[in-house]
Amino acid sequence: VSLRWKIAISVVGGIVGLIASAAHGFTPDAAAVCAYLLGLVLLAAINLKHALLPDKIVQPFLWAGLLYAAVAGHGAENIYGAAVGYGVPLALLLVGKASTGRDLVGYGDLKAFAMAGAWFGLSALSIIFGVFVVGVIFSIVGIAVFRRVGGFLPTGPAHLFASLAYVVGTRLL
């Protein structure tokens, strides 16, 4: 990763952390969610550059969310969130593939939704799914305006946007 990418990731990570902290103060929950959001910043950067949402990052953050929820005393909600976060998009992917013959979303996206469900629970997923769709629409418009098409639609920024919107718009964990 070039120095420019490292600086951009650091700046965006700092801004995201400040936004989350401003929304909820400096609490242990806010610190944990800031760590999750920093993981999403890294995922978004990798996704923009390499068209991947790598398991090496997604899986540890998914498990960290589940373990944090278990320690905080609301693990069942978050286990259901992880399951539904993966299962609902998978069902839509299978229906879309049967209809069009193509995968309309990548499997990394399913795992990223499971990660969000693991951190925020089942009740957060409707907001996260909705904001994600808005973020993808903005990505499509941005690609159309700037004519930057690399054969894939980077969804990492939409995952970051969706989780950040949830954090700012609701109470934490």
N, C-alpha and C. Protein backbone atom coordinates (compact mmCIF):
# COMPACT_ATOMS: atom_id res chain seq x y z
N VAL A 1 0.85 -1.17 0.00
CA VAL A 1 0.00 0.00 0.00
C VAL A 1 0.90 1.23 0.00
N SER A 2 0.58 2.15 -0.87
CA SER A 2 1.39 3.36 -0.99
C SER A 2 1.20 4.27 0.22
N LEU A 3 2.12 5.20 0.37
CA LEU A 3 2.03 6.16 1.46
C LEU A 3 0.74 6.97 1.37
N ARG A 4 0.34 7.33 0.17
CA ARG A 4 -0.89 8.10 0.00
C ARG A 4 -2.11 7.32 0.50
N TRP A 5 -2.17 6.00 0.20
CA TRP A 5 -3.27 5.17 0.69
C TRP A 5 -3.23 5.07 2.21
N LYS A 6 -2.04 4.92 2.80
CA LYS A 6 -1.92 4.83 4.25
C LYS A 6 -2.40 6.11 4.92
N ILE A 7 -2.04 7.24 4.34
CA ILE A 7 -2.48 8.52 4.89
C ILE A 7 -3.99 8.65 4.76
N ALA A 8 -4.54 8.29 3.60
CA ALA A 8 -5.99 8.39 3.39
C ALA A 8 -6.74 7.49 4.36
N ILE A 9 -6.26 6.26 4.55
CA ILE A 9 -6.91 5.33 5.48
C ILE A 9 -6.86 5.89 6.90
N SER A 10 -5.71 6.44 7.29
CA SER A 10 -5.57 7.02 8.63
C SER A 10 -6.50 8.21 8.84
N VAL A 11 -6.58 9.08 7.85
CA VAL A 11 -7.43 10.27 7.97
C VAL A 11 -8.90 9.86 8.04
N VAL A 12 -9.33 8.98 7.13
CA VAL A 12 -10.73 8.53 7.15
C VAL A 12 -11.04 7.80 8.46
N GLY A 13 -10.13 6.95 8.91
CA GLY A 13 -10.31 6.27 10.19
C GLY A 13 -10.46 7.23 11.34
N GLY A 14 -9.64 8.27 11.36
CA GLY A 14 -9.73 9.28 12.42
C GLY A 14 -11.05 10.03 12.38
N ILE A 15 -11.49 10.39 11.18
CA ILE A 15 -12.76 11.09 11.04
C ILE A 15 -13.92 10.21 11.50
N VAL A 16 -13.91 8.94 11.08
CA VAL A 16 -14.97 8.01 11.48
C VAL A 16 -14.98 7.84 12.99
N GLY A 17 -13.80 7.70 13.59
CA GLY A 17 -13.72 7.58 15.05
C GLY A 17 -14.25 8.80 15.77
N LEU A 18 -13.92 9.98 15.26
CA LEU A 18 -14.43 11.22 15.87
C LEU A 18 -15.95 11.33 15.75
N ILE A 19 -16.48 10.94 14.60
CA ILE A 19 -17.93 10.99 14.41
C ILE A 19 -18.62 10.05 15.40
N ALA A 20 -18.12 8.82 15.50
CA ALA A 20 -18.73 7.85 16.42
C ALA A 20 -18.60 8.32 17.86
N SER A 21 -17.45 8.86 18.24
CA SER A 21 -17.25 9.33 19.60
C SER A 21 -18.12 10.55 19.90
N ALA A 22 -18.27 11.43 18.92
CA ALA A 22 -19.12 12.61 19.12
C ALA A 22 -20.57 12.20 19.31
N ALA A 23 -20.98 11.14 18.63
CA ALA A 23 -22.37 10.70 18.73
C ALA A 23 -22.67 10.03 20.06
N HIS A 24 -21.66 9.38 20.68
CA HIS A 24 -21.94 8.57 21.86
C HIS A 24 -21.00 8.80 23.04
N GLY A 25 -20.10 9.75 22.93
CA GLY A 25 -19.18 10.01 24.02
C GLY A 25 -18.07 8.99 24.08
N PHE A 26 -17.25 9.09 25.09
CA PHE A 26 -16.11 8.20 25.23
C PHE A 26 -16.45 7.12 26.26
N THR A 27 -17.14 6.11 25.79
CA THR A 27 -17.54 4.99 26.63
C THR A 27 -16.86 3.72 26.12
N PRO A 28 -16.85 2.66 26.91
CA PRO A 28 -16.29 1.39 26.41
C PRO A 28 -17.04 0.88 25.17
N ASP A 29 -18.36 1.04 25.12
CA ASP A 29 -19.11 0.63 23.93
C ASP A 29 -18.68 1.44 22.71
N ALA A 30 -18.52 2.75 22.88
CA ALA A 30 -18.09 3.59 21.77
C ALA A 30 -16.69 3.21 21.31
N ALA A 31 -15.81 2.88 22.22
CA ALA A 31 -14.45 2.47 21.84
C ALA A 31 -14.49 1.16 21.06
N ALA A 32 -15.32 0.22 21.49
CA ALA A 32 -15.43 -1.05 20.78
C ALA A 32 -15.99 -0.83 19.38
N VAL A 33 -17.02 -0.01 19.27
CA VAL A 33 -17.61 0.27 17.96
C VAL A 33 -16.63 1.03 17.07
N CYS A 34 -15.84 1.92 17.65
CA CYS A 34 -14.81 2.61 16.87
C CYS A 34 -13.81 1.61 16.29
N ALA A 35 -13.44 0.60 17.05
CA ALA A 35 -12.54 -0.43 16.53
C ALA A 35 -13.20 -1.16 15.36
N TYR A 36 -14.48 -1.49 15.49
CA TYR A 36 -15.22 -2.13 14.40
C TYR A 36 -15.24 -1.22 13.16
N LEU A 37 -15.53 0.06 13.36
CA LEU A 37 -15.58 1.00 12.24
C LEU A 37 -14.22 1.16 11.57
N LEU A 38 -13.15 1.13 12.37
CA LEU A 38 -11.81 1.20 11.78
C LEU A 38 -11.54 -0.03 10.93
N GLY A 39 -12.05 -1.18 11.35
CA GLY A 39 -11.95 -2.38 10.52
C GLY A 39 -12.70 -2.20 9.21
N LEU A 40 -13.85 -1.55 9.25
CA LEU A 40 -14.60 -1.28 8.03
C LEU A 40 -13.88 -0.28 7.13
N VAL A 41 -13.19 0.68 7.71
CA VAL A 41 -12.39 1.61 6.89
C VAL A 41 -11.32 0.83 6.13
N LEU A 42 -10.65 -0.07 6.82
CA LEU A 42 -9.64 -0.90 6.18
C LEU A 42 -10.28 -1.77 5.09
N LEU A 43 -11.42 -2.38 5.38
CA LEU A 43 -12.12 -3.19 4.37
C LEU A 43 -12.51 -2.36 3.15
N ALA A 44 -13.00 -1.15 3.38
CA ALA A 44 -13.40 -0.28 2.27
C ALA A 44 -12.19 0.06 1.40
N ALA A 45 -11.05 0.36 2.04
CA ALA A 45 -9.84 0.68 1.27
C ALA A 45 -9.38 -0.51 0.44
N ILE A 46 -9.38 -1.68 1.04
CA ILE A 46 -8.98 -2.89 0.31
C ILE A 46 -9.96 -3.15 -0.82
N ASN A 47 -11.25 -2.97 -0.55
CA ASN A 47 -12.27 -3.21 -1.56
C ASN A 47 -12.13 -2.25 -2.74
N LEU A 48 -11.83 -1.01 -2.48
CA LEU A 48 -11.64 -0.04 -3.55
C LEU A 48 -10.43 -0.38 -4.42
N LYS A 49 -9.39 -0.88 -3.78
CA LYS A 49 -8.14 -1.14 -4.51
C LYS A 49 -8.11 -2.52 -5.16
N HIS A 50 -8.68 -3.53 -4.50
CA HIS A 50 -8.51 -4.91 -4.97
C HIS A 50 -9.82 -5.66 -5.22
N ALA A 51 -10.96 -5.02 -5.05
CA ALA A 51 -12.27 -5.65 -5.28
C ALA A 51 -12.50 -6.85 -4.38
N LEU A 52 -12.02 -6.79 -3.14
CA LEU A 52 -12.18 -7.88 -2.19
C LEU A 52 -12.65 -7.35 -0.84
N LEU A 53 -13.33 -8.21 -0.12
CA LEU A 53 -13.60 -8.00 1.31
C LEU A 53 -13.02 -9.24 1.99
N PRO A 54 -11.71 -9.20 2.31
CA PRO A 54 -11.01 -10.43 2.70
C PRO A 54 -11.45 -11.00 4.05
N ASP A 55 -11.52 -12.34 4.05
CA ASP A 55 -11.89 -13.06 5.28
C ASP A 55 -10.92 -12.80 6.42
N LYS A 56 -9.66 -12.52 6.11
CA LYS A 56 -8.67 -12.26 7.16
C LYS A 56 -9.06 -11.07 8.03
N ILE A 57 -9.88 -10.20 7.50
CA ILE A 57 -10.34 -9.05 8.27
C ILE A 57 -11.78 -9.27 8.74
N VAL A 58 -12.64 -9.75 7.85
CA VAL A 58 -14.05 -9.90 8.18
C VAL A 58 -14.27 -10.89 9.33
N GLN A 59 -13.67 -12.06 9.25
CA GLN A 59 -13.93 -13.09 10.26
C GLN A 59 -13.51 -12.68 11.67
N PRO A 60 -12.30 -12.13 11.88
CA PRO A 60 -11.97 -11.71 13.25
C PRO A 60 -12.90 -10.64 13.80
N PHE A 61 -13.33 -9.70 12.93
CA PHE A 61 -14.24 -8.66 13.41
C PHE A 61 -15.63 -9.23 13.69
N LEU A 62 -16.06 -10.22 12.91
CA LEU A 62 -17.34 -10.88 13.18
C LEU A 62 -17.30 -11.54 14.56
N TRP A 63 -16.24 -12.32 14.81
CA TRP A 63 -16.13 -13.01 16.10
C TRP A 63 -15.95 -12.02 17.25
N ALA A 64 -15.21 -10.95 17.02
CA ALA A 64 -15.04 -9.94 18.07
C ALA A 64 -16.39 -9.33 18.44
N GLY A 65 -17.24 -9.08 17.45
CA GLY A 65 -18.57 -8.55 17.72
C GLY A 65 -19.42 -9.51 18.54
N LEU A 66 -19.37 -10.78 18.17
CA LEU A 66 -20.13 -11.78 18.92
C LEU A 66 -19.62 -11.92 20.35
N LEU A 67 -18.31 -11.94 20.51
CA LEU A 67 -17.74 -12.07 21.86
C LEU A 67 -18.02 -10.83 22.70
N TYR A 68 -17.92 -9.65 22.10
CA TYR A 68 -18.22 -8.42 22.84
C TYR A 68 -19.69 -8.43 23.28
N ALA A 69 -20.58 -8.85 22.40
CA ALA A 69 -22.00 -8.90 22.75
C ALA A 69 -22.25 -9.91 23.87
N ALA A 70 -21.55 -11.04 23.83
CA ALA A 70 -21.71 -12.05 24.89
C ALA A 70 -21.25 -11.51 26.24
N VAL A 71 -20.13 -10.81 26.24
CA VAL A 71 -19.62 -10.22 27.48
C VAL A 71 -20.56 -9.12 27.97
N ALA A 72 -21.14 -8.36 27.05
CA ALA A 72 -22.04 -7.27 27.42
C ALA A 72 -23.42 -7.78 27.84
N GLY A 73 -23.69 -9.07 27.61
CA GLY A 73 -24.92 -9.66 28.09
C GLY A 73 -26.07 -9.72 27.11
N HIS A 74 -25.83 -9.48 25.85
CA HIS A 74 -26.91 -9.58 24.88
C HIS A 74 -26.47 -10.37 23.64
N GLY A 75 -25.82 -11.48 23.89
CA GLY A 75 -25.25 -12.29 22.82
C GLY A 75 -26.27 -12.91 21.88
N ALA A 76 -27.44 -13.33 22.38
CA ALA A 76 -28.42 -13.99 21.52
C ALA A 76 -28.90 -13.08 20.40
N GLU A 77 -29.20 -11.83 20.72
CA GLU A 77 -29.62 -10.85 19.71
C GLU A 77 -28.57 -10.72 18.61
N ASN A 78 -27.32 -10.74 18.99
CA ASN A 78 -26.24 -10.55 18.02
C ASN A 78 -25.96 -11.82 17.22
N ILE A 79 -26.16 -12.98 17.84
CA ILE A 79 -26.03 -14.24 17.08
C ILE A 79 -27.12 -14.29 16.02
N TYR A 80 -28.35 -13.94 16.39
CA TYR A 80 -29.43 -13.88 15.41
C TYR A 80 -29.11 -12.84 14.33
N GLY A 81 -28.53 -11.72 14.74
CA GLY A 81 -28.16 -10.68 13.78
C GLY A 81 -27.14 -11.18 12.77
N ALA A 82 -26.15 -11.92 13.24
CA ALA A 82 -25.13 -12.46 12.32
C ALA A 82 -25.76 -13.47 11.37
N ALA A 83 -26.63 -14.32 11.89
CA ALA A 83 -27.27 -15.34 11.04
C ALA A 83 -28.17 -14.70 9.99
N VAL A 84 -28.99 -13.76 10.40
CA VAL A 84 -29.90 -13.09 9.45
C VAL A 84 -29.10 -12.18 8.51
N GLY A 85 -28.05 -11.55 9.03
CA GLY A 85 -27.20 -10.70 8.19
C GLY A 85 -26.57 -11.47 7.04
N TYR A 86 -26.30 -12.73 7.25
CA TYR A 86 -25.78 -13.57 6.17
C TYR A 86 -26.92 -14.21 5.37
N GLY A 87 -27.94 -14.69 6.06
CA GLY A 87 -28.98 -15.48 5.42
C GLY A 87 -29.89 -14.72 4.48
N VAL A 88 -30.35 -13.54 4.86
CA VAL A 88 -31.27 -12.78 4.01
C VAL A 88 -30.59 -12.37 2.70
N PRO A 89 -29.39 -11.78 2.73
CA PRO A 89 -28.75 -11.48 1.44
C PRO A 89 -28.44 -12.74 0.63
N LEU A 90 -28.12 -13.85 1.31
CA LEU A 90 -27.87 -15.09 0.59
C LEU A 90 -29.13 -15.54 -0.16
N ALA A 91 -30.28 -15.46 0.50
CA ALA A 91 -31.53 -15.83 -0.17
C ALA A 91 -31.79 -14.93 -1.38
N LEU A 92 -31.55 -13.62 -1.21
CA LEU A 92 -31.73 -12.70 -2.34
C LEU A 92 -30.73 -13.00 -3.45
N LEU A 93 -29.50 -13.34 -3.08
CA LEU A 93 -28.49 -13.70 -4.07
C LEU A 93 -28.91 -14.92 -4.86
N LEU A 94 -29.44 -15.93 -4.17
CA LEU A 94 -29.85 -17.16 -4.85
C LEU A 94 -31.05 -16.92 -5.78
N VAL A 95 -31.99 -16.10 -5.33
CA VAL A 95 -33.13 -15.76 -6.19
C VAL A 95 -32.65 -14.97 -7.41
N GLY A 96 -31.77 -14.01 -7.18
CA GLY A 96 -31.23 -13.23 -8.29
C GLY A 96 -30.44 -14.08 -9.27
N LYS A 97 -29.67 -15.02 -8.74
CA LYS A 97 -28.88 -15.89 -9.61
C LYS A 97 -29.80 -16.81 -10.42
N ALA A 98 -30.86 -17.30 -9.81
CA ALA A 98 -31.81 -18.14 -10.55
C ALA A 98 -32.51 -17.35 -11.65
N SER A 99 -32.74 -16.05 -11.39
CA SER A 99 -33.44 -15.21 -12.37
C SER A 99 -32.54 -14.72 -13.49
N THR A 100 -31.29 -14.34 -13.13
CA THR A 100 -30.41 -13.70 -14.12
C THR A 100 -29.23 -14.57 -14.53
N GLY A 101 -28.92 -15.58 -13.74
CA GLY A 101 -27.75 -16.41 -14.03
C GLY A 101 -26.45 -15.79 -13.53
N ARG A 102 -26.54 -14.67 -12.83
CA ARG A 102 -25.35 -13.97 -12.32
C ARG A 102 -25.47 -13.73 -10.82
N ASP A 103 -24.31 -13.66 -10.16
CA ASP A 103 -24.29 -13.25 -8.76
C ASP A 103 -24.44 -11.73 -8.74
N LEU A 104 -25.46 -11.24 -8.06
CA LEU A 104 -25.69 -9.81 -8.00
C LEU A 104 -24.93 -9.14 -6.87
N VAL A 105 -24.44 -9.94 -5.95
CA VAL A 105 -23.65 -9.44 -4.83
C VAL A 105 -22.61 -10.50 -4.52
N GLY A 106 -21.48 -10.08 -3.99
CA GLY A 106 -20.42 -11.03 -3.68
C GLY A 106 -20.62 -11.68 -2.33
N TYR A 107 -19.95 -12.79 -2.14
CA TYR A 107 -20.06 -13.50 -0.87
C TYR A 107 -19.36 -12.75 0.27
N GLY A 108 -18.39 -11.92 -0.06
CA GLY A 108 -17.78 -11.06 0.96
C GLY A 108 -18.79 -10.09 1.54
N ASP A 109 -19.72 -9.64 0.70
CA ASP A 109 -20.77 -8.75 1.18
C ASP A 109 -21.66 -9.46 2.19
N LEU A 110 -21.96 -10.72 1.94
CA LEU A 110 -22.78 -11.49 2.89
C LEU A 110 -22.08 -11.57 4.24
N LYS A 111 -20.78 -11.84 4.20
CA LYS A 111 -20.02 -11.94 5.46
C LYS A 111 -19.93 -10.58 6.15
N ALA A 112 -19.83 -9.50 5.36
CA ALA A 112 -19.80 -8.16 5.96
C ALA A 112 -21.13 -7.83 6.63
N PHE A 113 -22.25 -8.27 6.03
CA PHE A 113 -23.55 -8.08 6.68
C PHE A 113 -23.64 -8.91 7.97
N ALA A 114 -23.10 -10.11 7.93
CA ALA A 114 -23.07 -10.94 9.15
C ALA A 114 -22.25 -10.25 10.23
N MET A 115 -21.15 -9.62 9.82
CA MET A 115 -20.31 -8.89 10.76
C MET A 115 -21.09 -7.74 11.40
N ALA A 116 -21.85 -6.99 10.59
CA ALA A 116 -22.66 -5.90 11.14
C ALA A 116 -23.72 -6.44 12.10
N GLY A 117 -24.35 -7.56 11.71
CA GLY A 117 -25.33 -8.18 12.60
C GLY A 117 -24.72 -8.65 13.90
N ALA A 118 -23.47 -9.14 13.83
CA ALA A 118 -22.77 -9.59 15.04
C ALA A 118 -22.48 -8.42 15.97
N TRP A 119 -22.21 -7.26 15.43
CA TRP A 119 -21.90 -6.11 16.26
C TRP A 119 -23.15 -5.40 16.78
N PHE A 120 -24.17 -5.27 15.92
CA PHE A 120 -25.30 -4.42 16.29
C PHE A 120 -26.59 -5.17 16.57
N GLY A 121 -26.66 -6.45 16.24
CA GLY A 121 -27.84 -7.23 16.54
C GLY A 121 -28.87 -7.24 15.43
N LEU A 122 -29.83 -8.10 15.62
CA LEU A 122 -30.88 -8.31 14.62
C LEU A 122 -31.67 -7.04 14.32
N SER A 123 -31.99 -6.28 15.34
CA SER A 123 -32.84 -5.10 15.16
C SER A 123 -32.18 -4.02 14.31
N ALA A 124 -30.87 -4.04 14.17
CA ALA A 124 -30.16 -3.02 13.40
C ALA A 124 -30.15 -3.30 11.90
N LEU A 125 -30.42 -4.54 11.53
CA LEU A 125 -30.19 -4.93 10.14
C LEU A 125 -31.09 -4.23 9.14
N SER A 126 -32.32 -3.92 9.48
CA SER A 126 -33.18 -3.24 8.50
C SER A 126 -32.60 -1.88 8.15
N ILE A 127 -32.08 -1.16 9.13
CA ILE A 127 -31.45 0.13 8.87
C ILE A 127 -30.18 -0.07 8.06
N ILE A 128 -29.36 -1.02 8.45
CA ILE A 128 -28.09 -1.26 7.76
C ILE A 128 -28.32 -1.70 6.32
N PHE A 129 -29.29 -2.60 6.08
CA PHE A 129 -29.59 -3.02 4.71
C PHE A 129 -30.07 -1.82 3.88
N GLY A 130 -30.96 -1.03 4.44
CA GLY A 130 -31.50 0.12 3.71
C GLY A 130 -30.44 1.15 3.36
N VAL A 131 -29.62 1.50 4.33
CA VAL A 131 -28.58 2.50 4.08
C VAL A 131 -27.52 1.93 3.12
N PHE A 132 -27.26 0.64 3.20
CA PHE A 132 -26.34 0.01 2.27
C PHE A 132 -26.83 0.17 0.83
N VAL A 133 -28.12 -0.06 0.60
CA VAL A 133 -28.68 0.09 -0.75
C VAL A 133 -28.50 1.53 -1.23
N VAL A 134 -28.76 2.50 -0.36
CA VAL A 134 -28.56 3.90 -0.72
C VAL A 134 -27.08 4.15 -1.07
N GLY A 135 -26.18 3.59 -0.28
CA GLY A 135 -24.75 3.74 -0.56
C GLY A 135 -24.35 3.13 -1.89
N VAL A 136 -24.92 1.99 -2.23
CA VAL A 136 -24.63 1.35 -3.52
C VAL A 136 -25.16 2.21 -4.66
N ILE A 137 -26.34 2.79 -4.48
CA ILE A 137 -26.90 3.67 -5.52
C ILE A 137 -25.97 4.87 -5.73
N PHE A 138 -25.48 5.46 -4.64
CA PHE A 138 -24.53 6.57 -4.77
C PHE A 138 -23.25 6.12 -5.48
N SER A 139 -22.80 4.90 -5.21
CA SER A 139 -21.61 4.37 -5.90
C SER A 139 -21.85 4.23 -7.39
N ILE A 140 -23.02 3.73 -7.75
CA ILE A 140 -23.36 3.58 -9.16
C ILE A 140 -23.40 4.93 -9.85
N VAL A 141 -24.02 5.91 -9.20
CA VAL A 141 -24.08 7.26 -9.77
C VAL A 141 -22.67 7.84 -9.89
N GLY A 142 -21.85 7.64 -8.86
CA GLY A 142 -20.47 8.15 -8.91
C GLY A 142 -19.67 7.52 -10.03
N ILE A 143 -19.84 6.23 -10.23
CA ILE A 143 -19.13 5.55 -11.32
C ILE A 143 -19.62 6.08 -12.66
N ALA A 144 -20.93 6.31 -12.79
CA ALA A 144 -21.48 6.82 -14.05
C ALA A 144 -20.98 8.24 -14.33
N VAL A 145 -20.91 9.07 -13.30
CA VAL A 145 -20.47 10.46 -13.49
C VAL A 145 -18.99 10.53 -13.80
N PHE A 146 -18.18 9.78 -13.05
CA PHE A 146 -16.74 9.87 -13.23
C PHE A 146 -16.18 8.85 -14.22
N ARG A 147 -17.08 8.03 -14.76
CA ARG A 147 -16.70 7.05 -15.78
C ARG A 147 -15.57 6.13 -15.34
N ARG A 148 -15.57 5.76 -14.08
CA ARG A 148 -14.55 4.85 -13.56
C ARG A 148 -15.19 3.48 -13.38
N VAL A 149 -15.02 2.64 -14.34
CA VAL A 149 -15.59 1.30 -14.26
C VAL A 149 -14.43 0.32 -14.36
N GLY A 150 -14.27 -0.49 -13.34
CA GLY A 150 -13.21 -1.47 -13.34
C GLY A 150 -13.75 -2.88 -13.40
N GLY A 151 -14.98 -3.05 -13.83
CA GLY A 151 -15.56 -4.38 -13.92
C GLY A 151 -16.25 -4.83 -12.65
N PHE A 152 -16.21 -4.04 -11.60
CA PHE A 152 -16.87 -4.41 -10.35
C PHE A 152 -17.38 -3.15 -9.68
N LEU A 153 -18.33 -3.34 -8.80
CA LEU A 153 -18.87 -2.24 -8.02
C LEU A 153 -18.33 -2.37 -6.60
N PRO A 154 -17.48 -1.45 -6.17
CA PRO A 154 -16.95 -1.55 -4.81
C PRO A 154 -18.05 -1.27 -3.78
N THR A 155 -18.31 -2.24 -2.93
CA THR A 155 -19.38 -2.10 -1.93
C THR A 155 -18.83 -1.84 -0.53
N GLY A 156 -17.52 -1.93 -0.36
CA GLY A 156 -16.93 -1.68 0.95
C GLY A 156 -17.32 -0.32 1.52
N PRO A 157 -17.24 0.76 0.72
CA PRO A 157 -17.66 2.06 1.25
C PRO A 157 -19.14 2.08 1.66
N ALA A 158 -19.99 1.35 0.96
CA ALA A 158 -21.41 1.31 1.32
C ALA A 158 -21.60 0.59 2.67
N HIS A 159 -20.81 -0.45 2.93
CA HIS A 159 -20.88 -1.13 4.24
C HIS A 159 -20.45 -0.17 5.34
N LEU A 160 -19.37 0.58 5.11
CA LEU A 160 -18.91 1.56 6.09
C LEU A 160 -19.98 2.63 6.32
N PHE A 161 -20.52 3.16 5.25
CA PHE A 161 -21.56 4.18 5.32
C PHE A 161 -22.77 3.68 6.11
N ALA A 162 -23.19 2.44 5.84
CA ALA A 162 -24.37 1.87 6.52
C ALA A 162 -24.13 1.72 8.02
N SER A 163 -22.99 1.18 8.39
CA SER A 163 -22.70 1.01 9.82
C SER A 163 -22.51 2.35 10.52
N LEU A 164 -21.84 3.27 9.86
CA LEU A 164 -21.64 4.60 10.45
C LEU A 164 -22.98 5.31 10.63
N ALA A 165 -23.87 5.20 9.64
CA ALA A 165 -25.19 5.80 9.75
C ALA A 165 -25.96 5.21 10.92
N TYR A 166 -25.84 3.89 11.10
CA TYR A 166 -26.52 3.26 12.23
C TYR A 166 -25.95 3.77 13.56
N VAL A 167 -24.63 3.85 13.65
CA VAL A 167 -23.99 4.30 14.88
C VAL A 167 -24.39 5.73 15.22
N VAL A 168 -24.41 6.60 14.23
CA VAL A 168 -24.73 7.99 14.47
C VAL A 168 -26.23 8.16 14.76
N GLY A 169 -27.06 7.38 14.09
CA GLY A 169 -28.51 7.56 14.19
C GLY A 169 -29.19 6.85 15.34
N THR A 170 -28.51 5.96 16.02
CA THR A 170 -29.15 5.19 17.09
C THR A 170 -28.23 5.09 18.30
N ARG A 171 -28.74 4.45 19.33
CA ARG A 171 -27.89 4.22 20.49
C ARG A 171 -27.00 3.01 20.22
N LEU A 172 -25.88 2.94 20.88
CA LEU A 172 -24.94 1.86 20.66
C LEU A 172 -25.34 0.59 21.37
N LEU A 173 -24.87 -0.50 20.84
CA LEU A 173 -24.95 -1.85 21.40
C LEU A 173 -25.99 -1.93 22.46
